[in-house]
Structures are given as C-alpha cells and as structure tokens.
Amino acid sequence: MSLDDLPDWLPAWCLDHLGDEPAHVLFQLQQTSMVFGLRLAGGTDVVVKARADDGRAVSCVAAQAQLAERGFPCAQLLTPVVGVGSLAVHAEEFRPGGDVLQGGSPDVAVRYAEVFAQLMAELADVTVAPPLPNPRWVRWDHPDSGVWPVIEFLDDRHQSAVPAYVVDAADRARRRILAAGLPCVLGHADFEAQNLRWHGREVWAVHDWDSLAWQPEAALVGAASGAFASAGPPTLAPIESSEAFLVAYQDVRGRLFTAVEQEIAWAASLWPAAHNARWEALHGDIPVSGDALRAQAAERLRRANA
C-alpha cells in the first residue's frame, strides 16, 4: 500500500493525535480491524488501528494500556480511542520482531498455557466496562434465536452448506456453557499462535487486544486450549494438547478447576472451532477446522458432559 491508498482521514488524524503525518506505509492488514503500520515524517514507527465502533474498543484499549504499563509484553498505547465517523481509532507503538511458536504438541501447549495464565492473572486486576458484545467466535452467550449469533454477512449465505455435525457441536457446547451460569471475567479470546511472538522461550509480544471478551474464566481457558496452535487458517489443537494446556494453566494459577469448570472448558474448546468450521463451509474454504471438529467433537462433548 502506498500513501495515496491510505484512507482520507488517516494523515490528518496522525497529525492531530501523533503530531506528525505518515511518510511511509510499513504494512496494512484487514481483519476484524484495519491495521496500518506507519513511519511518520519524523522517523517514528507507529501502528494505527481502526474498527467499526461497536462500543468495545474503549474497554479493550484501556485494558491493554494497563497491562503494558505493568510491563506485560504488549504494545504501549500512544492515544486513547478516538471516534472517526463510524470508526473507533487508536494508535500504539510498533513492536516488531519475534517468532511464531509453531506446533500443537502438548509441550508447545504448556508454553502457551503458561503465558495465558500470566495474562489472565494480570487482567484479574484490571477494571474496565465489559467489552460487549463478545467477539463473534466466542459469542455463545448471544440473545438471538437459534444456535449462532446474528452475523449478517454469514447469515446471508446458504446455511445448508454447513454440515449438521458442526451445528450439533455448537448447539450442545453452547447449551452446556450457558447452563453452568458461571461468573464472567475479562480475558483474551483470540489466543492463537499467530497473535504471539517469541524470543526463544520468552514471549516477546501478545497482540490482538481488540479480541478481549467477558466470559467465564474456564470458558476462556477452554477456548484458548483449542485455538492456541492456529498459526494460519484456524484449526483445533489435538485433544491431548488441550488437556496439557488446561493442566498447565491450573498449575500456574495455583487453583484447580471444579468438575463443572472442567466441563465448561471442554465445551468452550469446541465453540470457536465450530464457528470457524461454519465460516469455512459458507465460504467454500478447505475444511481445516471442519475436519478437526469432525474427528474430535464426540470426545470433547463427552468430556464436557454435553
């Protein structure tokens, strides 16, 4: 992307809120948010993130800022959230470098679980308004009719393409999570390999704080235990690796889950995979999550008592 391709509002926004205009585009990404890596005219590298203002961004950015101030490995904030039309926009430091830790083995699961436990311990001391609605891939608490939350760009497609086993797994997992009635906490809901960077055995950066959620602790841990190995197209980790993740998390936190929490963790490990399998089916993508879900759903549902 060249400077000419930047949104019209962005150069003036940088001048107003960062004191300088963009001189070079380092990178541009489009996922849940629009993310622009920019080199300003004075030589400073920054990241500007813009997303549809659904009310979540202020809480997510405030939580990230508090963790960064305590020394947790995430980007420091350079601005608060600023409204630009229908967008919520903020800037943060550019934190490049580090490697993606690949693999879905139990040993790799333990390393991710240790970081997730530290992250959750830090977030337990953060007070922000719940970042609702939750990200769609962990929005099993939606008030909409049917299994899935209303997501127009998915709902407009032919739902007959979604395999019955995907819908069944999502429905049973959702019912189990909601029946438990566990209290909600703040947590990272997109804890995938692609969102972390490492220097050797030390984590260098945890990214994607836009994906904080307000769900039961056991459910957030369970979701992470299934998703941690995703370094490209989302997948579902092997069952033995999710088990290692759950055990390691509890060891680091120094508290064993109750029997109900164990079941909720296993149920929640399925929901993001079901969401991703639905996405694959509706878009005609290779069924990476779909195949893993087909192979593992019965055992995960058994462990969830669902």
C-alpha atoms as a PDB file:
ATOM      1  CA  MET A   1       0.000   0.000   0.000  1.00  0.00           C
ATOM      2  CA  SER A   2       1.236   3.500  -0.849  1.00  0.00           C
ATOM      3  CA  LEU A   3       0.466   6.719   0.996  1.00  0.00           C
ATOM      4  CA  ASP A   4      -2.052   7.558  -1.733  1.00  0.00           C
ATOM      5  CA  ASP A   5      -4.017   4.440  -0.821  1.00  0.00           C
ATOM      6  CA  LEU A   6      -4.474   5.359   2.842  1.00  0.00           C
ATOM      7  CA  PRO A   7      -7.990   6.337   3.961  1.00  0.00           C
ATOM      8  CA  ASP A   8      -8.583  10.049   3.502  1.00  0.00           C
ATOM      9  CA  TRP A   9      -8.987  10.661   7.230  1.00  0.00           C
ATOM     10  CA  LEU A  10      -5.769   8.957   8.346  1.00  0.00           C
ATOM     11  CA  PRO A  11      -2.990  11.520   7.552  1.00  0.00           C
ATOM     12  CA  ALA A  12      -4.864  14.333   9.290  1.00  0.00           C
ATOM     13  CA  TRP A  13      -5.665  12.044  12.226  1.00  0.00           C
ATOM     14  CA  CYS A  14      -1.982  11.244  12.668  1.00  0.00           C
ATOM     15  CA  LEU A  15      -1.088  14.930  12.568  1.00  0.00           C
ATOM     16  CA  ASP A  16      -3.769  15.800  15.122  1.00  0.00           C
ATOM     17  CA  HIS A  17      -3.137  12.957  17.562  1.00  0.00           C
ATOM     18  CA  LEU A  18       0.502  11.963  16.971  1.00  0.00           C
ATOM     19  CA  GLY A  19       1.907  15.328  15.934  1.00  0.00           C
ATOM     20  CA  ASP A  20       3.199  14.129  12.574  1.00  0.00           C
ATOM     21  CA  GLU A  21       1.985  12.876   9.207  1.00  0.00           C
ATOM     22  CA  PRO A  22       2.711   9.458   7.663  1.00  0.00           C
ATOM     23  CA  ALA A  23       5.742   9.362   5.369  1.00  0.00           C
ATOM     24  CA  HIS A  24       5.797   5.629   4.578  1.00  0.00           C
ATOM     25  CA  VAL A  25       3.467   2.649   4.896  1.00  0.00           C
ATOM     26  CA  LEU A  26       5.177  -0.283   6.625  1.00  0.00           C
ATOM     27  CA  PHE A  27       2.235  -2.673   6.315  1.00  0.00           C
ATOM     28  CA  GLN A  28      -1.527  -2.842   6.164  1.00  0.00           C
ATOM     29  CA  LEU A  29      -3.789  -5.624   7.449  1.00  0.00           C
ATOM     30  CA  GLN A  30      -7.538  -6.086   7.234  1.00  0.00           C
ATOM     31  CA  GLN A  31      -9.151  -8.491   9.682  1.00  0.00           C
ATOM     32  CA  THR A  32     -11.590  -7.543  12.416  1.00  0.00           C
ATOM     33  CA  SER A  33      -9.788  -4.176  12.451  1.00  0.00           C
ATOM     34  CA  MET A  34      -7.971  -2.187   9.808  1.00  0.00           C
ATOM     35  CA  VAL A  35      -4.341  -2.056  10.947  1.00  0.00           C
ATOM     36  CA  PHE A  36      -1.821   0.376   9.478  1.00  0.00           C
ATOM     37  CA  GLY A  37       1.886   0.252  10.227  1.00  0.00           C
ATOM     38  CA  LEU A  38       3.211   3.724   9.501  1.00  0.00           C
ATOM     39  CA  ARG A  39       6.528   5.563   9.600  1.00  0.00           C
ATOM     40  CA  LEU A  40       5.868   9.180  10.467  1.00  0.00           C
ATOM     41  CA  ALA A  41       7.767  12.049   8.865  1.00  0.00           C
ATOM     42  CA  GLY A  42       9.901  12.415  11.990  1.00  0.00           C
ATOM     43  CA  GLY A  43      11.024   8.778  11.768  1.00  0.00           C
ATOM     44  CA  THR A  44       8.810   7.234  14.455  1.00  0.00           C
ATOM     45  CA  ASP A  45       7.106   3.943  13.591  1.00  0.00           C
ATOM     46  CA  VAL A  46       3.543   3.550  14.859  1.00  0.00           C
ATOM     47  CA  VAL A  47       0.531   1.298  14.409  1.00  0.00           C
ATOM     48  CA  VAL A  48      -2.924   2.789  13.898  1.00  0.00           C
ATOM     49  CA  LYS A  49      -5.952   0.550  14.344  1.00  0.00           C
ATOM     50  CA  ALA A  50      -9.473   1.348  13.186  1.00  0.00           C
ATOM     51  CA  ARG A  51     -12.573  -0.769  13.623  1.00  0.00           C
ATOM     52  CA  ALA A  52     -16.320  -0.351  13.493  1.00  0.00           C
ATOM     53  CA  ASP A  53     -17.329   1.388  16.706  1.00  0.00           C
ATOM     54  CA  ASP A  54     -19.452  -1.255  18.410  1.00  0.00           C
ATOM     55  CA  GLY A  55     -18.685   0.029  21.909  1.00  0.00           C
ATOM     56  CA  ARG A  56     -15.916  -2.480  22.691  1.00  0.00           C
ATOM     57  CA  ALA A  57     -12.788  -0.560  21.753  1.00  0.00           C
ATOM     58  CA  VAL A  58     -12.555   1.784  24.752  1.00  0.00           C
ATOM     59  CA  SER A  59     -12.501  -1.124  27.221  1.00  0.00           C
ATOM     60  CA  CYS A  60     -10.095  -3.201  25.141  1.00  0.00           C
ATOM     61  CA  VAL A  61      -7.617  -0.354  24.725  1.00  0.00           C
ATOM     62  CA  ALA A  62      -7.852   0.640  28.397  1.00  0.00           C
ATOM     63  CA  ALA A  63      -7.075  -2.931  29.482  1.00  0.00           C
ATOM     64  CA  GLN A  64      -4.130  -3.169  27.064  1.00  0.00           C
ATOM     65  CA  ALA A  65      -2.780   0.146  28.347  1.00  0.00           C
ATOM     66  CA  GLN A  66      -2.869  -1.034  31.955  1.00  0.00           C
ATOM     67  CA  LEU A  67      -1.070  -4.284  31.160  1.00  0.00           C
ATOM     68  CA  ALA A  68       1.573  -2.520  29.078  1.00  0.00           C
ATOM     69  CA  GLU A  69       2.211  -0.063  31.910  1.00  0.00           C
ATOM     70  CA  ARG A  70       2.881  -3.009  34.241  1.00  0.00           C
ATOM     71  CA  GLY A  71       5.434  -4.449  31.842  1.00  0.00           C
ATOM     72  CA  PHE A  72       3.329  -7.202  30.286  1.00  0.00           C
ATOM     73  CA  PRO A  73       4.672  -7.931  26.773  1.00  0.00           C
ATOM     74  CA  CYS A  74       2.245  -5.974  24.626  1.00  0.00           C
ATOM     75  CA  ALA A  75       2.348  -2.695  22.717  1.00  0.00           C
ATOM     76  CA  GLN A  76       2.257   0.584  24.642  1.00  0.00           C
ATOM     77  CA  LEU A  77      -0.668   2.856  23.786  1.00  0.00           C
ATOM     78  CA  LEU A  78       0.052   6.207  22.145  1.00  0.00           C
ATOM     79  CA  THR A  79      -3.506   7.563  22.068  1.00  0.00           C
ATOM     80  CA  PRO A  80      -6.877   6.767  23.597  1.00  0.00           C
ATOM     81  CA  VAL A  81      -9.729   5.638  21.379  1.00  0.00           C
ATOM     82  CA  VAL A  82     -10.965   8.445  19.131  1.00  0.00           C
ATOM     83  CA  GLY A  83     -14.172   8.374  17.129  1.00  0.00           C
ATOM     84  CA  VAL A  84     -13.798   8.995  13.395  1.00  0.00           C
ATOM     85  CA  GLY A  85     -17.236   8.805  11.845  1.00  0.00           C
ATOM     86  CA  SER A  86     -18.412   5.247  12.472  1.00  0.00           C
ATOM     87  CA  LEU A  87     -14.897   4.065  13.400  1.00  0.00           C
ATOM     88  CA  ALA A  88     -13.092   3.708  16.715  1.00  0.00           C
ATOM     89  CA  VAL A  89      -9.412   4.586  16.144  1.00  0.00           C
ATOM     90  CA  HIS A  90      -6.305   4.456  18.320  1.00  0.00           C
ATOM     91  CA  ALA A  91      -2.528   4.336  17.906  1.00  0.00           C
ATOM     92  CA  GLU A  92       0.069   2.205  19.664  1.00  0.00           C
ATOM     93  CA  GLU A  93       3.781   1.582  19.470  1.00  0.00           C
ATOM     94  CA  PHE A  94       5.142  -0.632  16.707  1.00  0.00           C
ATOM     95  CA  ARG A  95       6.509  -3.741  18.409  1.00  0.00           C
ATOM     96  CA  PRO A  96       8.150  -5.765  15.618  1.00  0.00           C
ATOM     97  CA  GLY A  97      10.278  -8.862  15.834  1.00  0.00           C
ATOM     98  CA  GLY A  98       9.973 -12.229  17.458  1.00  0.00           C
ATOM     99  CA  ASP A  99       8.992 -15.585  16.013  1.00  0.00           C
ATOM    100  CA  VAL A 100       5.765 -17.542  15.857  1.00  0.00           C
ATOM    101  CA  LEU A 101       5.934 -20.638  18.043  1.00  0.00           C
ATOM    102  CA  GLN A 102       4.651 -23.338  15.709  1.00  0.00           C
ATOM    103  CA  GLY A 103       3.097 -26.653  16.609  1.00  0.00           C
ATOM    104  CA  GLY A 104       0.251 -28.230  18.509  1.00  0.00           C
ATOM    105  CA  SER A 105       2.099 -30.736  20.697  1.00  0.00           C
ATOM    106  CA  PRO A 106       1.484 -30.999  24.455  1.00  0.00           C
ATOM    107  CA  ASP A 107       4.895 -29.417  25.120  1.00  0.00           C
ATOM    108  CA  VAL A 108       4.000 -26.403  22.995  1.00  0.00           C
ATOM    109  CA  ALA A 109       0.579 -26.277  24.659  1.00  0.00           C
ATOM    110  CA  VAL A 110       2.220 -25.933  28.071  1.00  0.00           C
ATOM    111  CA  ARG A 111       4.260 -22.943  26.931  1.00  0.00           C
ATOM    112  CA  TYR A 112       1.179 -21.182  25.628  1.00  0.00           C
ATOM    113  CA  ALA A 113      -0.797 -22.075  28.759  1.00  0.00           C
ATOM    114  CA  GLU A 114       1.848 -20.513  30.989  1.00  0.00           C
ATOM    115  CA  VAL A 115       1.570 -17.218  29.106  1.00  0.00           C
ATOM    116  CA  PHE A 116      -2.217 -17.357  29.139  1.00  0.00           C
ATOM    117  CA  ALA A 117      -2.215 -17.919  32.888  1.00  0.00           C
ATOM    118  CA  GLN A 118       0.029 -14.883  33.403  1.00  0.00           C
ATOM    119  CA  LEU A 119      -2.201 -12.824  31.115  1.00  0.00           C
ATOM    120  CA  MET A 120      -5.368 -13.836  32.963  1.00  0.00           C
ATOM    121  CA  ALA A 121      -3.753 -13.111  36.325  1.00  0.00           C
ATOM    122  CA  GLU A 122      -2.884  -9.592  35.147  1.00  0.00           C
ATOM    123  CA  LEU A 123      -6.353  -8.991  33.719  1.00  0.00           C
ATOM    124  CA  ALA A 124      -7.921 -10.020  37.027  1.00  0.00           C
ATOM    125  CA  ASP A 125      -6.641  -6.707  38.436  1.00  0.00           C
ATOM    126  CA  VAL A 126      -7.952  -4.619  35.529  1.00  0.00           C
ATOM    127  CA  THR A 127     -11.233  -2.783  35.944  1.00  0.00           C
ATOM    128  CA  VAL A 128     -12.969  -1.759  32.726  1.00  0.00           C
ATOM    129  CA  ALA A 129     -16.519  -1.922  31.450  1.00  0.00           C
ATOM    130  CA  PRO A 130     -17.176  -5.384  29.970  1.00  0.00           C
ATOM    131  CA  PRO A 131     -16.184  -5.305  26.263  1.00  0.00           C
ATOM    132  CA  LEU A 132     -19.550  -6.386  24.911  1.00  0.00           C
ATOM    133  CA  PRO A 133     -20.768  -7.761  22.614  1.00  0.00           C
ATOM    134  CA  ASN A 134     -18.187 -10.511  22.750  1.00  0.00           C
ATOM    135  CA  PRO A 135     -16.198 -11.385  19.606  1.00  0.00           C
ATOM    136  CA  ARG A 136     -18.353 -13.483  17.331  1.00  0.00           C
ATOM    137  CA  TRP A 137     -16.211 -16.622  17.689  1.00  0.00           C
ATOM    138  CA  VAL A 138     -16.860 -16.723  21.476  1.00  0.00           C
ATOM    139  CA  ARG A 139     -20.348 -15.210  21.427  1.00  0.00           C
ATOM    140  CA  TRP A 140     -22.145 -18.295  22.652  1.00  0.00           C
ATOM    141  CA  ASP A 141     -23.980 -16.006  25.113  1.00  0.00           C
ATOM    142  CA  HIS A 142     -25.847 -14.187  22.346  1.00  0.00           C
ATOM    143  CA  PRO A 143     -29.567 -13.408  22.847  1.00  0.00           C
ATOM    144  CA  ASP A 144     -30.518 -14.238  19.265  1.00  0.00           C
ATOM    145  CA  SER A 145     -32.757 -17.116  18.263  1.00  0.00           C
ATOM    146  CA  GLY A 146     -31.004 -20.229  17.034  1.00  0.00           C
ATOM    147  CA  VAL A 147     -27.540 -21.609  17.574  1.00  0.00           C
ATOM    148  CA  TRP A 148     -25.494 -18.806  16.054  1.00  0.00           C
ATOM    149  CA  PRO A 149     -25.380 -15.097  16.855  1.00  0.00           C
ATOM    150  CA  VAL A 150     -26.750 -12.827  14.163  1.00  0.00           C
ATOM    151  CA  ILE A 151     -23.868 -12.058  11.782  1.00  0.00           C
ATOM    152  CA  GLU A 152     -25.399 -10.671   8.608  1.00  0.00           C
ATOM    153  CA  PHE A 153     -22.508 -11.348   6.241  1.00  0.00           C
ATOM    154  CA  LEU A 154     -22.630 -15.023   7.263  1.00  0.00           C
ATOM    155  CA  ASP A 155     -26.383 -15.330   7.672  1.00  0.00           C
ATOM    156  CA  ASP A 156     -26.960 -14.088   4.115  1.00  0.00           C
ATOM    157  CA  ARG A 157     -25.231 -17.197   2.722  1.00  0.00           C
ATOM    158  CA  HIS A 158     -26.860 -20.568   2.137  1.00  0.00           C
ATOM    159  CA  GLN A 159     -26.845 -22.230   5.559  1.00  0.00           C
ATOM    160  CA  SER A 160     -27.415 -25.653   4.014  1.00  0.00           C
ATOM    161  CA  ALA A 161     -23.682 -25.681   3.274  1.00  0.00           C
ATOM    162  CA  VAL A 162     -22.906 -26.008   6.991  1.00  0.00           C
ATOM    163  CA  PRO A 163     -22.569 -29.704   7.972  1.00  0.00           C
ATOM    164  CA  ALA A 164     -25.050 -30.959  10.546  1.00  0.00           C
ATOM    165  CA  TYR A 165     -22.258 -32.132  12.867  1.00  0.00           C
ATOM    166  CA  VAL A 166     -20.942 -28.535  13.074  1.00  0.00           C
ATOM    167  CA  VAL A 167     -24.345 -27.181  14.095  1.00  0.00           C
ATOM    168  CA  ASP A 168     -24.862 -30.034  16.568  1.00  0.00           C
ATOM    169  CA  ALA A 169     -21.473 -29.490  18.231  1.00  0.00           C
ATOM    170  CA  ALA A 170     -22.063 -25.740  18.521  1.00  0.00           C
ATOM    171  CA  ASP A 171     -25.548 -26.225  19.939  1.00  0.00           C
ATOM    172  CA  ARG A 172     -24.514 -28.799  22.550  1.00  0.00           C
ATOM    173  CA  ALA A 173     -21.418 -26.838  23.596  1.00  0.00           C
ATOM    174  CA  ARG A 174     -23.416 -23.613  23.909  1.00  0.00           C
ATOM    175  CA  ARG A 175     -26.143 -25.217  25.991  1.00  0.00           C
ATOM    176  CA  ARG A 176     -23.572 -26.699  28.361  1.00  0.00           C
ATOM    177  CA  ILE A 177     -21.734 -23.400  28.868  1.00  0.00           C
ATOM    178  CA  LEU A 178     -24.904 -21.417  29.476  1.00  0.00           C
ATOM    179  CA  ALA A 179     -26.375 -24.000  31.852  1.00  0.00           C
ATOM    180  CA  ALA A 180     -23.436 -23.622  34.233  1.00  0.00           C
ATOM    181  CA  GLY A 181     -24.131 -19.971  34.955  1.00  0.00           C
ATOM    182  CA  LEU A 182     -20.514 -19.231  35.891  1.00  0.00           C
ATOM    183  CA  PRO A 183     -19.472 -15.612  36.589  1.00  0.00           C
ATOM    184  CA  CYS A 184     -17.725 -13.709  33.805  1.00  0.00           C
ATOM    185  CA  VAL A 185     -14.220 -12.258  33.834  1.00  0.00           C
ATOM    186  CA  LEU A 186     -12.074 -10.320  31.386  1.00  0.00           C
ATOM    187  CA  GLY A 187      -9.904 -12.435  29.103  1.00  0.00           C
ATOM    188  CA  HIS A 188      -8.187 -12.714  25.728  1.00  0.00           C
ATOM    189  CA  ALA A 189     -10.452 -14.521  23.282  1.00  0.00           C
ATOM    190  CA  ASP A 190      -8.163 -14.911  20.260  1.00  0.00           C
ATOM    191  CA  PHE A 191      -5.159 -16.602  21.858  1.00  0.00           C
ATOM    192  CA  GLU A 192      -3.737 -18.101  18.673  1.00  0.00           C
ATOM    193  CA  ALA A 193      -0.124 -18.712  17.706  1.00  0.00           C
ATOM    194  CA  GLN A 194      -0.377 -16.046  15.010  1.00  0.00           C
ATOM    195  CA  ASN A 195      -1.107 -13.423  17.680  1.00  0.00           C
ATOM    196  CA  LEU A 196       2.019 -14.063  19.773  1.00  0.00           C
ATOM    197  CA  ARG A 197       5.719 -13.571  19.095  1.00  0.00           C
ATOM    198  CA  TRP A 198       8.607 -15.207  20.953  1.00  0.00           C
ATOM    199  CA  HIS A 199      12.298 -14.674  21.548  1.00  0.00           C
ATOM    200  CA  GLY A 200      13.470 -18.173  22.299  1.00  0.00           C
ATOM    201  CA  ARG A 201      11.472 -19.411  25.286  1.00  0.00           C
ATOM    202  CA  GLU A 202      10.366 -15.906  26.278  1.00  0.00           C
ATOM    203  CA  VAL A 203       7.210 -14.364  24.888  1.00  0.00           C
ATOM    204  CA  TRP A 204       8.009 -11.034  23.232  1.00  0.00           C
ATOM    205  CA  ALA A 205       4.559  -9.754  22.304  1.00  0.00           C
ATOM    206  CA  VAL A 206       0.916 -10.659  22.681  1.00  0.00           C
ATOM    207  CA  HIS A 207      -1.191  -8.952  20.024  1.00  0.00           C
ATOM    208  CA  ASP A 208      -4.878  -8.566  19.119  1.00  0.00           C
ATOM    209  CA  TRP A 209      -6.228  -6.892  22.242  1.00  0.00           C
ATOM    210  CA  ASP A 210      -9.294  -5.972  20.207  1.00  0.00           C
ATOM    211  CA  SER A 211     -10.391  -9.533  20.966  1.00  0.00           C
ATOM    212  CA  LEU A 212     -10.852  -9.245  24.716  1.00  0.00           C
ATOM    213  CA  ALA A 213     -14.047 -10.858  25.942  1.00  0.00           C
ATOM    214  CA  TRP A 214     -16.279 -11.074  29.001  1.00  0.00           C
ATOM    215  CA  GLN A 215     -16.881 -14.777  29.624  1.00  0.00           C
ATOM    216  CA  PRO A 216     -16.334 -17.327  32.439  1.00  0.00           C
ATOM    217  CA  GLU A 217     -12.661 -17.990  33.180  1.00  0.00           C
ATOM    218  CA  ALA A 218     -12.971 -21.706  32.475  1.00  0.00           C
ATOM    219  CA  ALA A 219     -14.606 -20.960  29.116  1.00  0.00           C
ATOM    220  CA  LEU A 220     -11.887 -18.510  28.085  1.00  0.00           C
ATOM    221  CA  VAL A 221      -9.210 -21.024  29.068  1.00  0.00           C
ATOM    222  CA  GLY A 222     -11.018 -23.763  27.202  1.00  0.00           C
ATOM    223  CA  ALA A 223     -11.311 -21.645  24.068  1.00  0.00           C
ATOM    224  CA  ALA A 224      -7.577 -20.897  24.234  1.00  0.00           C
ATOM    225  CA  SER A 225      -6.770 -24.574  24.752  1.00  0.00           C
ATOM    226  CA  GLY A 226      -8.413 -25.388  21.453  1.00  0.00           C
ATOM    227  CA  ALA A 227      -7.177 -22.396  19.458  1.00  0.00           C
ATOM    228  CA  PHE A 228      -3.554 -21.879  20.579  1.00  0.00           C
ATOM    229  CA  ALA A 229      -1.985 -23.873  17.712  1.00  0.00           C
ATOM    230  CA  SER A 230      -3.553 -21.754  14.946  1.00  0.00           C
ATOM    231  CA  ALA A 231      -0.680 -20.127  13.079  1.00  0.00           C
ATOM    232  CA  GLY A 232      -2.518 -19.781   9.763  1.00  0.00           C
ATOM    233  CA  PRO A 233      -6.023 -20.955   8.900  1.00  0.00           C
ATOM    234  CA  PRO A 234      -7.749 -21.578  12.256  1.00  0.00           C
ATOM    235  CA  THR A 235      -7.648 -25.134  13.483  1.00  0.00           C
ATOM    236  CA  LEU A 236      -8.407 -27.168  16.600  1.00  0.00           C
ATOM    237  CA  ALA A 237      -5.491 -28.471  18.660  1.00  0.00           C
ATOM    238  CA  PRO A 238      -5.242 -32.220  19.404  1.00  0.00           C
ATOM    239  CA  ILE A 239      -7.234 -33.342  22.430  1.00  0.00           C
ATOM    240  CA  GLU A 240      -4.140 -34.364  24.386  1.00  0.00           C
ATOM    241  CA  SER A 241      -2.671 -30.894  23.811  1.00  0.00           C
ATOM    242  CA  SER A 242      -5.806 -29.147  25.028  1.00  0.00           C
ATOM    243  CA  GLU A 243      -5.633 -31.365  28.103  1.00  0.00           C
ATOM    244  CA  ALA A 244      -1.993 -30.364  28.690  1.00  0.00           C
ATOM    245  CA  PHE A 245      -2.954 -26.709  28.277  1.00  0.00           C
ATOM    246  CA  LEU A 246      -5.725 -26.961  30.872  1.00  0.00           C
ATOM    247  CA  VAL A 247      -3.497 -28.748  33.388  1.00  0.00           C
ATOM    248  CA  ALA A 248      -0.640 -26.274  32.966  1.00  0.00           C
ATOM    249  CA  TYR A 249      -2.948 -23.289  33.280  1.00  0.00           C
ATOM    250  CA  GLN A 250      -4.317 -24.525  36.591  1.00  0.00           C
ATOM    251  CA  ASP A 251      -0.805 -25.286  37.858  1.00  0.00           C
ATOM    252  CA  VAL A 252       0.392 -21.750  37.140  1.00  0.00           C
ATOM    253  CA  ARG A 253      -2.703 -20.137  38.605  1.00  0.00           C
ATOM    254  CA  GLY A 254      -2.474 -22.371  41.672  1.00  0.00           C
ATOM    255  CA  ARG A 255      -6.157 -23.306  41.603  1.00  0.00           C
ATOM    256  CA  LEU A 256      -7.805 -26.456  40.349  1.00  0.00           C
ATOM    257  CA  PHE A 257     -10.966 -26.084  38.326  1.00  0.00           C
ATOM    258  CA  THR A 258     -14.095 -27.622  39.788  1.00  0.00           C
ATOM    259  CA  ALA A 259     -15.691 -30.524  37.933  1.00  0.00           C
ATOM    260  CA  VAL A 260     -18.169 -28.108  36.371  1.00  0.00           C
ATOM    261  CA  GLU A 261     -15.393 -25.734  35.281  1.00  0.00           C
ATOM    262  CA  GLN A 262     -13.553 -28.632  33.659  1.00  0.00           C
ATOM    263  CA  GLU A 263     -16.666 -29.461  31.667  1.00  0.00           C
ATOM    264  CA  ILE A 264     -17.180 -25.833  30.650  1.00  0.00           C
ATOM    265  CA  ALA A 265     -13.570 -25.599  29.475  1.00  0.00           C
ATOM    266  CA  TRP A 266     -14.062 -28.606  27.205  1.00  0.00           C
ATOM    267  CA  ALA A 267     -17.361 -27.253  25.885  1.00  0.00           C
ATOM    268  CA  ALA A 268     -15.808 -23.866  25.149  1.00  0.00           C
ATOM    269  CA  SER A 269     -12.878 -25.502  23.360  1.00  0.00           C
ATOM    270  CA  LEU A 270     -15.388 -26.530  20.693  1.00  0.00           C
ATOM    271  CA  TRP A 271     -17.287 -23.307  20.041  1.00  0.00           C
ATOM    272  CA  PRO A 272     -14.585 -21.334  18.182  1.00  0.00           C
ATOM    273  CA  ALA A 273     -13.807 -24.391  16.061  1.00  0.00           C
ATOM    274  CA  ALA A 274     -17.497 -24.730  15.224  1.00  0.00           C
ATOM    275  CA  HIS A 275     -17.680 -21.049  14.312  1.00  0.00           C
ATOM    276  CA  ASN A 276     -14.613 -21.451  12.098  1.00  0.00           C
ATOM    277  CA  ALA A 277     -15.984 -24.632  10.519  1.00  0.00           C
ATOM    278  CA  ARG A 278     -19.198 -22.778   9.698  1.00  0.00           C
ATOM    279  CA  TRP A 279     -17.152 -19.964   8.144  1.00  0.00           C
ATOM    280  CA  GLU A 280     -15.207 -22.463   6.038  1.00  0.00           C
ATOM    281  CA  ALA A 281     -18.363 -24.148   4.808  1.00  0.00           C
ATOM    282  CA  LEU A 282     -20.119 -20.879   3.939  1.00  0.00           C
ATOM    283  CA  HIS A 283     -17.075 -19.599   2.041  1.00  0.00           C
ATOM    284  CA  GLY A 284     -16.164 -22.878   0.340  1.00  0.00           C
ATOM    285  CA  ASP A 285     -12.774 -22.956   2.088  1.00  0.00           C
ATOM    286  CA  ILE A 286     -10.691 -26.033   2.829  1.00  0.00           C
ATOM    287  CA  PRO A 287     -12.289 -27.532   5.974  1.00  0.00           C
ATOM    288  CA  VAL A 288      -9.287 -27.289   8.322  1.00  0.00           C
ATOM    289  CA  SER A 289     -11.382 -26.633  11.433  1.00  0.00           C
ATOM    290  CA  GLY A 290     -14.201 -28.692   9.983  1.00  0.00           C
ATOM    291  CA  ASP A 291     -12.125 -31.847   9.655  1.00  0.00           C
ATOM    292  CA  ALA A 292     -10.598 -31.425  13.125  1.00  0.00           C
ATOM    293  CA  LEU A 293     -14.048 -30.822  14.605  1.00  0.00           C
ATOM    294  CA  ARG A 294     -15.455 -33.898  12.883  1.00  0.00           C
ATOM    295  CA  ALA A 295     -12.674 -36.033  14.362  1.00  0.00           C
ATOM    296  CA  GLN A 296     -12.776 -34.598  17.881  1.00  0.00           C
ATOM    297  CA  ALA A 297     -16.287 -33.365  18.625  1.00  0.00           C
ATOM    298  CA  ALA A 298     -17.611 -36.552  20.190  1.00  0.00           C
ATOM    299  CA  GLU A 299     -14.764 -36.850  22.715  1.00  0.00           C
ATOM    300  CA  ARG A 300     -14.753 -33.158  23.599  1.00  0.00           C
ATOM    301  CA  LEU A 301     -18.523 -33.221  24.096  1.00  0.00           C
ATOM    302  CA  ARG A 302     -18.173 -36.308  26.283  1.00  0.00           C
ATOM    303  CA  ARG A 303     -15.662 -34.506  28.477  1.00  0.00           C
ATOM    304  CA  ALA A 304     -17.992 -31.518  28.576  1.00  0.00           C
ATOM    305  CA  ASN A 305     -20.897 -33.696  29.718  1.00  0.00           C
ATOM    306  CA  ALA A 306     -22.792 -32.229  26.806  1.00  0.00           C
END
